[in-house]
Amino acid sequence: MPMLLNVTSYFHTNIWETCSASFNPSLLEFHRKEIGLDRILYSIDYPFVQMEDGKAFLDELEEGHVLTREEMRQFARETAIELLKLNDYIY
């Protein structure tokens, strides 16, 4: 069966990815340009990667001005809340 859309279109509508254990600002920037920051979630992959490494990555993104403050909030928090519908469970 042929695909109705090209592969990139499916990434923009059906797929989310994480930065899990790939703490590389250049790689994040590449994926951001390809699929958009709203499709990328911050994650650590503990115990394979230490929590301190994840924090250092966020610090590097902020200090290197890779992401704006609003983009940092979206990447580190808001996308997961929206995708997982976490606000639906606050009483």
PDB file of N, CA and C in Angstrom:
ATOM      1  N   MET A   1       0.839  -1.165   0.000  1.00  0.00           N
ATOM      2  CA  MET A   1       0.000   0.000   0.000  1.00  0.00           C
ATOM      3  C   MET A   1       0.895   1.243   0.000  1.00  0.00           C
ATOM      4  N   PRO A   2       0.712   2.146  -0.913  1.00  0.00           N
ATOM      5  CA  PRO A   2       1.542   3.356  -0.951  1.00  0.00           C
ATOM      6  C   PRO A   2       1.184   4.310   0.199  1.00  0.00           C
ATOM      7  N   MET A   3       2.168   5.065   0.625  1.00  0.00           N
ATOM      8  CA  MET A   3       1.921   6.061   1.674  1.00  0.00           C
ATOM      9  C   MET A   3       1.118   7.212   1.087  1.00  0.00           C
ATOM     10  N   LEU A   4       0.216   7.750   1.874  1.00  0.00           N
ATOM     11  CA  LEU A   4      -0.587   8.882   1.431  1.00  0.00           C
ATOM     12  C   LEU A   4       0.190  10.190   1.514  1.00  0.00           C
ATOM     13  N   LEU A   5       1.153  10.245   2.419  1.00  0.00           N
ATOM     14  CA  LEU A   5       1.970  11.440   2.622  1.00  0.00           C
ATOM     15  C   LEU A   5       3.439  11.057   2.570  1.00  0.00           C
ATOM     16  N   ASN A   6       4.309  12.051   2.474  1.00  0.00           N
ATOM     17  CA  ASN A   6       5.737  11.733   2.541  1.00  0.00           C
ATOM     18  C   ASN A   6       6.133  11.509   4.003  1.00  0.00           C
ATOM     19  N   VAL A   7       7.278  10.924   4.222  1.00  0.00           N
ATOM     20  CA  VAL A   7       7.713  10.538   5.564  1.00  0.00           C
ATOM     21  C   VAL A   7       7.763  11.745   6.500  1.00  0.00           C
ATOM     22  N   THR A   8       8.255  12.860   6.030  1.00  0.00           N
ATOM     23  CA  THR A   8       8.340  14.061   6.862  1.00  0.00           C
ATOM     24  C   THR A   8       6.977  14.487   7.372  1.00  0.00           C
ATOM     25  N   SER A   9       5.959  14.348   6.568  1.00  0.00           N
ATOM     26  CA  SER A   9       4.604  14.712   6.990  1.00  0.00           C
ATOM     27  C   SER A   9       4.151  13.879   8.181  1.00  0.00           C
ATOM     28  N   TYR A  10       4.497  12.608   8.196  1.00  0.00           N
ATOM     29  CA  TYR A  10       4.134  11.752   9.326  1.00  0.00           C
ATOM     30  C   TYR A  10       4.878  12.165  10.599  1.00  0.00           C
ATOM     31  N   PHE A  11       6.127  12.601  10.457  1.00  0.00           N
ATOM     32  CA  PHE A  11       6.870  13.088  11.615  1.00  0.00           C
ATOM     33  C   PHE A  11       6.191  14.310  12.222  1.00  0.00           C
ATOM     34  N   HIS A  12       5.592  15.132  11.390  1.00  0.00           N
ATOM     35  CA  HIS A  12       4.950  16.356  11.881  1.00  0.00           C
ATOM     36  C   HIS A  12       3.577  16.108  12.494  1.00  0.00           C
ATOM     37  N   THR A  13       3.031  14.917  12.331  1.00  0.00           N
ATOM     38  CA  THR A  13       1.685  14.657  12.848  1.00  0.00           C
ATOM     39  C   THR A  13       1.583  13.447  13.772  1.00  0.00           C
ATOM     40  N   ASN A  14       2.477  12.480  13.659  1.00  0.00           N
ATOM     41  CA  ASN A  14       2.305  11.216  14.382  1.00  0.00           C
ATOM     42  C   ASN A  14       3.454  10.822  15.298  1.00  0.00           C
ATOM     43  N   ILE A  15       4.581  11.481  15.215  1.00  0.00           N
ATOM     44  CA  ILE A  15       5.771  11.000  15.906  1.00  0.00           C
ATOM     45  C   ILE A  15       6.354  12.088  16.803  1.00  0.00           C
ATOM     46  N   TRP A  16       6.725  11.687  18.012  1.00  0.00           N
ATOM     47  CA  TRP A  16       7.476  12.532  18.929  1.00  0.00           C
ATOM     48  C   TRP A  16       8.774  11.797  19.217  1.00  0.00           C
ATOM     49  N   GLU A  17       9.814  12.521  19.548  1.00  0.00           N
ATOM     50  CA  GLU A  17      11.075  11.886  19.896  1.00  0.00           C
ATOM     51  C   GLU A  17      11.645  12.547  21.137  1.00  0.00           C
ATOM     52  N   THR A  18      12.621  11.883  21.729  1.00  0.00           N
ATOM     53  CA  THR A  18      13.279  12.430  22.911  1.00  0.00           C
ATOM     54  C   THR A  18      14.761  12.635  22.630  1.00  0.00           C
ATOM     55  N   CYS A  19      15.379  13.389  23.491  1.00  0.00           N
ATOM     56  CA  CYS A  19      16.831  13.585  23.400  1.00  0.00           C
ATOM     57  C   CYS A  19      17.558  12.569  24.266  1.00  0.00           C
ATOM     58  N   SER A  20      16.866  11.561  24.734  1.00  0.00           N
ATOM     59  CA  SER A  20      17.372  10.606  25.700  1.00  0.00           C
ATOM     60  C   SER A  20      18.773  10.109  25.361  1.00  0.00           C
ATOM     61  N   ALA A  21      19.705  10.421  26.248  1.00  0.00           N
ATOM     62  CA  ALA A  21      21.106  10.000  26.141  1.00  0.00           C
ATOM     63  C   ALA A  21      21.816  10.581  24.926  1.00  0.00           C
ATOM     64  N   SER A  22      21.225  11.540  24.261  1.00  0.00           N
ATOM     65  CA  SER A  22      21.851  12.204  23.107  1.00  0.00           C
ATOM     66  C   SER A  22      21.981  13.689  23.409  1.00  0.00           C
ATOM     67  N   PHE A  23      22.797  14.013  24.365  1.00  0.00           N
ATOM     68  CA  PHE A  23      22.919  15.391  24.825  1.00  0.00           C
ATOM     69  C   PHE A  23      23.901  16.166  23.957  1.00  0.00           C
ATOM     70  N   ASN A  24      23.496  16.431  22.743  1.00  0.00           N
ATOM     71  CA  ASN A  24      24.329  17.138  21.781  1.00  0.00           C
ATOM     72  C   ASN A  24      23.522  18.298  21.210  1.00  0.00           C
ATOM     73  N   PRO A  25      23.906  19.543  21.495  1.00  0.00           N
ATOM     74  CA  PRO A  25      23.146  20.689  20.989  1.00  0.00           C
ATOM     75  C   PRO A  25      23.002  20.705  19.468  1.00  0.00           C
ATOM     76  N   SER A  26      24.021  20.280  18.747  1.00  0.00           N
ATOM     77  CA  SER A  26      23.944  20.263  17.279  1.00  0.00           C
ATOM     78  C   SER A  26      22.903  19.262  16.795  1.00  0.00           C
ATOM     79  N   LEU A  27      22.839  18.115  17.453  1.00  0.00           N
ATOM     80  CA  LEU A  27      21.847  17.101  17.088  1.00  0.00           C
ATOM     81  C   LEU A  27      20.439  17.595  17.407  1.00  0.00           C
ATOM     82  N   LEU A  28      20.274  18.232  18.555  1.00  0.00           N
ATOM     83  CA  LEU A  28      18.975  18.802  18.904  1.00  0.00           C
ATOM     84  C   LEU A  28      18.563  19.842  17.872  1.00  0.00           C
ATOM     85  N   GLU A  29      19.492  20.694  17.477  1.00  0.00           N
ATOM     86  CA  GLU A  29      19.191  21.734  16.486  1.00  0.00           C
ATOM     87  C   GLU A  29      18.797  21.117  15.141  1.00  0.00           C
ATOM     88  N   PHE A  30      19.474  20.056  14.738  1.00  0.00           N
ATOM     89  CA  PHE A  30      19.122  19.376  13.491  1.00  0.00           C
ATOM     90  C   PHE A  30      17.684  18.860  13.544  1.00  0.00           C
ATOM     91  N   HIS A  31      17.359  18.156  14.614  1.00  0.00           N
ATOM     92  CA  HIS A  31      16.005  17.602  14.743  1.00  0.00           C
ATOM     93  C   HIS A  31      14.965  18.708  14.877  1.00  0.00           C
ATOM     94  N   ARG A  32      15.324  19.763  15.552  1.00  0.00           N
ATOM     95  CA  ARG A  32      14.418  20.912  15.682  1.00  0.00           C
ATOM     96  C   ARG A  32      14.068  21.475  14.308  1.00  0.00           C
ATOM     97  N   LYS A  33      15.062  21.593  13.444  1.00  0.00           N
ATOM     98  CA  LYS A  33      14.816  22.112  12.091  1.00  0.00           C
ATOM     99  C   LYS A  33      14.015  21.131  11.244  1.00  0.00           C
ATOM    100  N   GLU A  34      14.215  19.844  11.472  1.00  0.00           N
ATOM    101  CA  GLU A  34      13.542  18.834  10.656  1.00  0.00           C
ATOM    102  C   GLU A  34      12.098  18.578  11.070  1.00  0.00           C
ATOM    103  N   ILE A  35      11.849  18.462  12.369  1.00  0.00           N
ATOM    104  CA  ILE A  35      10.490  18.101  12.802  1.00  0.00           C
ATOM    105  C   ILE A  35       9.844  19.129  13.717  1.00  0.00           C
ATOM    106  N   GLY A  36      10.611  20.082  14.215  1.00  0.00           N
ATOM    107  CA  GLY A  36      10.062  21.106  15.094  1.00  0.00           C
ATOM    108  C   GLY A  36      10.268  20.781  16.559  1.00  0.00           C
ATOM    109  N   LEU A  37      10.500  21.807  17.343  1.00  0.00           N
ATOM    110  CA  LEU A  37      10.744  21.629  18.769  1.00  0.00           C
ATOM    111  C   LEU A  37       9.529  21.060  19.485  1.00  0.00           C
ATOM    112  N   ASP A  38       8.346  21.301  18.939  1.00  0.00           N
ATOM    113  CA  ASP A  38       7.122  20.793  19.574  1.00  0.00           C
ATOM    114  C   ASP A  38       6.980  19.282  19.446  1.00  0.00           C
ATOM    115  N   ARG A  39       7.895  18.620  18.756  1.00  0.00           N
ATOM    116  CA  ARG A  39       7.886  17.159  18.607  1.00  0.00           C
ATOM    117  C   ARG A  39       9.037  16.497  19.346  1.00  0.00           C
ATOM    118  N   ILE A  40       9.761  17.273  20.150  1.00  0.00           N
ATOM    119  CA  ILE A  40      10.926  16.743  20.856  1.00  0.00           C
ATOM    120  C   ILE A  40      10.725  16.933  22.356  1.00  0.00           C
ATOM    121  N   LEU A  41      10.920  15.861  23.111  1.00  0.00           N
ATOM    122  CA  LEU A  41      10.769  15.909  24.561  1.00  0.00           C
ATOM    123  C   LEU A  41      12.124  15.726  25.233  1.00  0.00           C
ATOM    124  N   TYR A  42      12.314  16.448  26.311  1.00  0.00           N
ATOM    125  CA  TYR A  42      13.502  16.272  27.136  1.00  0.00           C
ATOM    126  C   TYR A  42      13.371  14.966  27.915  1.00  0.00           C
ATOM    127  N   SER A  43      14.434  14.209  27.972  1.00  0.00           N
ATOM    128  CA  SER A  43      14.462  12.990  28.778  1.00  0.00           C
ATOM    129  C   SER A  43      15.908  12.652  29.107  1.00  0.00           C
ATOM    130  N   ILE A  44      16.090  11.770  30.056  1.00  0.00           N
ATOM    131  CA  ILE A  44      17.443  11.463  30.526  1.00  0.00           C
ATOM    132  C   ILE A  44      17.846  10.018  30.268  1.00  0.00           C
ATOM    133  N   ASP A  45      16.983   9.050  30.440  1.00  0.00           N
ATOM    134  CA  ASP A  45      17.270   7.623  30.280  1.00  0.00           C
ATOM    135  C   ASP A  45      18.087   7.066  31.446  1.00  0.00           C
ATOM    136  N   TYR A  46      17.772   7.548  32.634  1.00  0.00           N
ATOM    137  CA  TYR A  46      18.384   7.023  33.849  1.00  0.00           C
ATOM    138  C   TYR A  46      17.978   5.561  34.021  1.00  0.00           C
ATOM    139  N   PRO A  47      18.840   4.672  34.413  1.00  0.00           N
ATOM    140  CA  PRO A  47      20.156   4.811  35.007  1.00  0.00           C
ATOM    141  C   PRO A  47      21.308   4.735  34.010  1.00  0.00           C
ATOM    142  N   PHE A  48      21.003   4.658  32.737  1.00  0.00           N
ATOM    143  CA  PHE A  48      22.068   4.564  31.736  1.00  0.00           C
ATOM    144  C   PHE A  48      22.801   5.885  31.574  1.00  0.00           C
ATOM    145  N   VAL A  49      22.109   6.969  31.839  1.00  0.00           N
ATOM    146  CA  VAL A  49      22.696   8.304  31.828  1.00  0.00           C
ATOM    147  C   VAL A  49      22.367   8.940  33.176  1.00  0.00           C
ATOM    148  N   GLN A  50      23.310   9.604  33.745  1.00  0.00           N
ATOM    149  CA  GLN A  50      23.116  10.195  35.070  1.00  0.00           C
ATOM    150  C   GLN A  50      22.310  11.494  35.005  1.00  0.00           C
ATOM    151  N   MET A  51      21.567  11.757  36.062  1.00  0.00           N
ATOM    152  CA  MET A  51      20.743  12.964  36.149  1.00  0.00           C
ATOM    153  C   MET A  51      21.584  14.227  35.971  1.00  0.00           C
ATOM    154  N   GLU A  52      22.792  14.221  36.517  1.00  0.00           N
ATOM    155  CA  GLU A  52      23.672  15.386  36.404  1.00  0.00           C
ATOM    156  C   GLU A  52      23.997  15.699  34.948  1.00  0.00           C
ATOM    157  N   ASP A  53      24.116  14.658  34.114  1.00  0.00           N
ATOM    158  CA  ASP A  53      24.391  14.869  32.693  1.00  0.00           C
ATOM    159  C   ASP A  53      23.215  15.559  32.009  1.00  0.00           C
ATOM    160  N   GLY A  54      22.009  15.175  32.387  1.00  0.00           N
ATOM    161  CA  GLY A  54      20.821  15.814  31.829  1.00  0.00           C
ATOM    162  C   GLY A  54      20.727  17.270  32.219  1.00  0.00           C
ATOM    163  N   LYS A  55      21.036  17.566  33.479  1.00  0.00           N
ATOM    164  CA  LYS A  55      21.030  18.951  33.959  1.00  0.00           C
ATOM    165  C   LYS A  55      22.106  19.760  33.249  1.00  0.00           C
ATOM    166  N   ALA A  56      23.280  19.173  33.064  1.00  0.00           N
ATOM    167  CA  ALA A  56      24.370  19.863  32.371  1.00  0.00           C
ATOM    168  C   ALA A  56      23.971  20.189  30.931  1.00  0.00           C
ATOM    169  N   PHE A  57      23.221  19.289  30.298  1.00  0.00           N
ATOM    170  CA  PHE A  57      22.752  19.530  28.931  1.00  0.00           C
ATOM    171  C   PHE A  57      21.805  20.723  28.899  1.00  0.00           C
ATOM    172  N   LEU A  58      20.865  20.782  29.829  1.00  0.00           N
ATOM    173  CA  LEU A  58      19.956  21.929  29.886  1.00  0.00           C
ATOM    174  C   LEU A  58      20.729  23.220  30.127  1.00  0.00           C
ATOM    175  N   ASP A  59      21.708  23.168  31.013  1.00  0.00           N
ATOM    176  CA  ASP A  59      22.538  24.350  31.269  1.00  0.00           C
ATOM    177  C   ASP A  59      23.278  24.776  30.011  1.00  0.00           C
ATOM    178  N   GLU A  60      23.806  23.807  29.279  1.00  0.00           N
ATOM    179  CA  GLU A  60      24.531  24.108  28.043  1.00  0.00           C
ATOM    180  C   GLU A  60      23.616  24.757  27.011  1.00  0.00           C
ATOM    181  N   LEU A  61      22.391  24.272  26.905  1.00  0.00           N
ATOM    182  CA  LEU A  61      21.437  24.860  25.960  1.00  0.00           C
ATOM    183  C   LEU A  61      21.118  26.298  26.336  1.00  0.00           C
ATOM    184  N   GLU A  62      20.970  26.544  27.628  1.00  0.00           N
ATOM    185  CA  GLU A  62      20.638  27.894  28.089  1.00  0.00           C
ATOM    186  C   GLU A  62      21.834  28.834  27.961  1.00  0.00           C
ATOM    187  N   GLU A  63      22.981  28.413  28.438  1.00  0.00           N
ATOM    188  CA  GLU A  63      24.171  29.263  28.414  1.00  0.00           C
ATOM    189  C   GLU A  63      24.661  29.529  26.996  1.00  0.00           C
ATOM    190  N   GLY A  64      24.474  28.553  26.108  1.00  0.00           N
ATOM    191  CA  GLY A  64      24.897  28.717  24.723  1.00  0.00           C
ATOM    192  C   GLY A  64      23.857  29.396  23.856  1.00  0.00           C
ATOM    193  N   HIS A  65      22.750  29.782  24.466  1.00  0.00           N
ATOM    194  CA  HIS A  65      21.649  30.445  23.754  1.00  0.00           C
ATOM    195  C   HIS A  65      21.155  29.611  22.576  1.00  0.00           C
ATOM    196  N   VAL A  66      21.176  28.290  22.755  1.00  0.00           N
ATOM    197  CA  VAL A  66      20.662  27.378  21.729  1.00  0.00           C
ATOM    198  C   VAL A  66      19.146  27.503  21.655  1.00  0.00           C
ATOM    199  N   LEU A  67      18.513  27.636  22.820  1.00  0.00           N
ATOM    200  CA  LEU A  67      17.065  27.809  22.906  1.00  0.00           C
ATOM    201  C   LEU A  67      16.760  29.060  23.720  1.00  0.00           C
ATOM    202  N   THR A  68      15.690  29.741  23.362  1.00  0.00           N
ATOM    203  CA  THR A  68      15.235  30.869  24.169  1.00  0.00           C
ATOM    204  C   THR A  68      14.640  30.332  25.466  1.00  0.00           C
ATOM    205  N   ARG A  69      14.370  31.215  26.398  1.00  0.00           N
ATOM    206  CA  ARG A  69      13.772  30.793  27.667  1.00  0.00           C
ATOM    207  C   ARG A  69      12.434  30.095  27.426  1.00  0.00           C
ATOM    208  N   GLU A  70      11.620  30.634  26.528  1.00  0.00           N
ATOM    209  CA  GLU A  70      10.324  30.018  26.222  1.00  0.00           C
ATOM    210  C   GLU A  70      10.511  28.655  25.552  1.00  0.00           C
ATOM    211  N   GLU A  71      11.479  28.545  24.654  1.00  0.00           N
ATOM    212  CA  GLU A  71      11.758  27.257  24.009  1.00  0.00           C
ATOM    213  C   GLU A  71      12.271  26.235  25.023  1.00  0.00           C
ATOM    214  N   MET A  72      13.086  26.692  25.976  1.00  0.00           N
ATOM    215  CA  MET A  72      13.570  25.793  27.032  1.00  0.00           C
ATOM    216  C   MET A  72      12.395  25.244  27.834  1.00  0.00           C
ATOM    217  N   ARG A  73      11.460  26.118  28.160  1.00  0.00           N
ATOM    218  CA  ARG A  73      10.287  25.688  28.924  1.00  0.00           C
ATOM    219  C   ARG A  73       9.474  24.671  28.124  1.00  0.00           C
ATOM    220  N   GLN A  74       9.305  24.934  26.841  1.00  0.00           N
ATOM    221  CA  GLN A  74       8.565  24.005  25.986  1.00  0.00           C
ATOM    222  C   GLN A  74       9.280  22.659  25.922  1.00  0.00           C
ATOM    223  N   PHE A  75      10.577  22.682  25.666  1.00  0.00           N
ATOM    224  CA  PHE A  75      11.372  21.468  25.516  1.00  0.00           C
ATOM    225  C   PHE A  75      11.428  20.655  26.810  1.00  0.00           C
ATOM    226  N   ALA A  76      11.680  21.319  27.922  1.00  0.00           N
ATOM    227  CA  ALA A  76      11.893  20.624  29.188  1.00  0.00           C
ATOM    228  C   ALA A  76      10.608  20.277  29.925  1.00  0.00           C
ATOM    229  N   ARG A  77       9.462  20.855  29.492  1.00  0.00           N
ATOM    230  CA  ARG A  77       8.260  20.685  30.297  1.00  0.00           C
ATOM    231  C   ARG A  77       6.962  20.622  29.501  1.00  0.00           C
ATOM    232  N   GLU A  78       6.675  21.663  28.750  1.00  0.00           N
ATOM    233  CA  GLU A  78       5.344  21.847  28.175  1.00  0.00           C
ATOM    234  C   GLU A  78       4.952  20.788  27.144  1.00  0.00           C
ATOM    235  N   THR A  79       5.886  20.354  26.317  1.00  0.00           N
ATOM    236  CA  THR A  79       5.547  19.345  25.306  1.00  0.00           C
ATOM    237  C   THR A  79       5.093  18.050  25.969  1.00  0.00           C
ATOM    238  N   ALA A  80       5.784  17.630  27.016  1.00  0.00           N
ATOM    239  CA  ALA A  80       5.395  16.404  27.732  1.00  0.00           C
ATOM    240  C   ALA A  80       4.032  16.569  28.397  1.00  0.00           C
ATOM    241  N   ILE A  81       3.800  17.712  29.015  1.00  0.00           N
ATOM    242  CA  ILE A  81       2.507  17.955  29.666  1.00  0.00           C
ATOM    243  C   ILE A  81       1.377  17.870  28.652  1.00  0.00           C
ATOM    244  N   GLU A  82       1.589  18.481  27.497  1.00  0.00           N
ATOM    245  CA  GLU A  82       0.556  18.463  26.457  1.00  0.00           C
ATOM    246  C   GLU A  82       0.365  17.062  25.873  1.00  0.00           C
ATOM    247  N   LEU A  83       1.458  16.409  25.498  1.00  0.00           N
ATOM    248  CA  LEU A  83       1.374  15.089  24.882  1.00  0.00           C
ATOM    249  C   LEU A  83       0.739  14.063  25.818  1.00  0.00           C
ATOM    250  N   LEU A  84       1.148  14.070  27.059  1.00  0.00           N
ATOM    251  CA  LEU A  84       0.662  13.092  28.029  1.00  0.00           C
ATOM    252  C   LEU A  84      -0.621  13.536  28.727  1.00  0.00           C
ATOM    253  N   LYS A  85      -1.097  14.714  28.360  1.00  0.00           N
ATOM    254  CA  LYS A  85      -2.343  15.271  28.921  1.00  0.00           C
ATOM    255  C   LYS A  85      -2.305  15.320  30.448  1.00  0.00           C
ATOM    256  N   LEU A  86      -1.173  15.731  30.981  1.00  0.00           N
ATOM    257  CA  LEU A  86      -1.000  15.753  32.428  1.00  0.00           C
ATOM    258  C   LEU A  86      -1.895  16.777  33.112  1.00  0.00           C
ATOM    259  N   ASN A  87      -2.221  17.862  32.443  1.00  0.00           N
ATOM    260  CA  ASN A  87      -3.122  18.849  33.045  1.00  0.00           C
ATOM    261  C   ASN A  87      -4.534  18.312  33.210  1.00  0.00           C
ATOM    262  N   ASP A  88      -4.881  17.271  32.481  1.00  0.00           N
ATOM    263  CA  ASP A  88      -6.213  16.678  32.608  1.00  0.00           C
ATOM    264  C   ASP A  88      -6.398  15.976  33.946  1.00  0.00           C
ATOM    265  N   TYR A  89      -5.304  15.706  34.651  1.00  0.00           N
ATOM    266  CA  TYR A  89      -5.373  14.924  35.879  1.00  0.00           C
ATOM    267  C   TYR A  89      -5.101  15.748  37.128  1.00  0.00           C
ATOM    268  N   ILE A  90      -5.068  17.055  36.986  1.00  0.00           N
ATOM    269  CA  ILE A  90      -4.882  17.920  38.147  1.00  0.00           C
ATOM    270  C   ILE A  90      -6.249  18.206  38.743  1.00  0.00           C
ATOM    271  N   TYR A  91      -6.401  17.928  40.023  1.00  0.00           N
ATOM    272  CA  TYR A  91      -7.702  18.116  40.678  1.00  0.00           C
ATOM    273  C   TYR A  91      -7.702  19.351  41.530  1.00  0.00           C
TER     274      TYR A  91
END
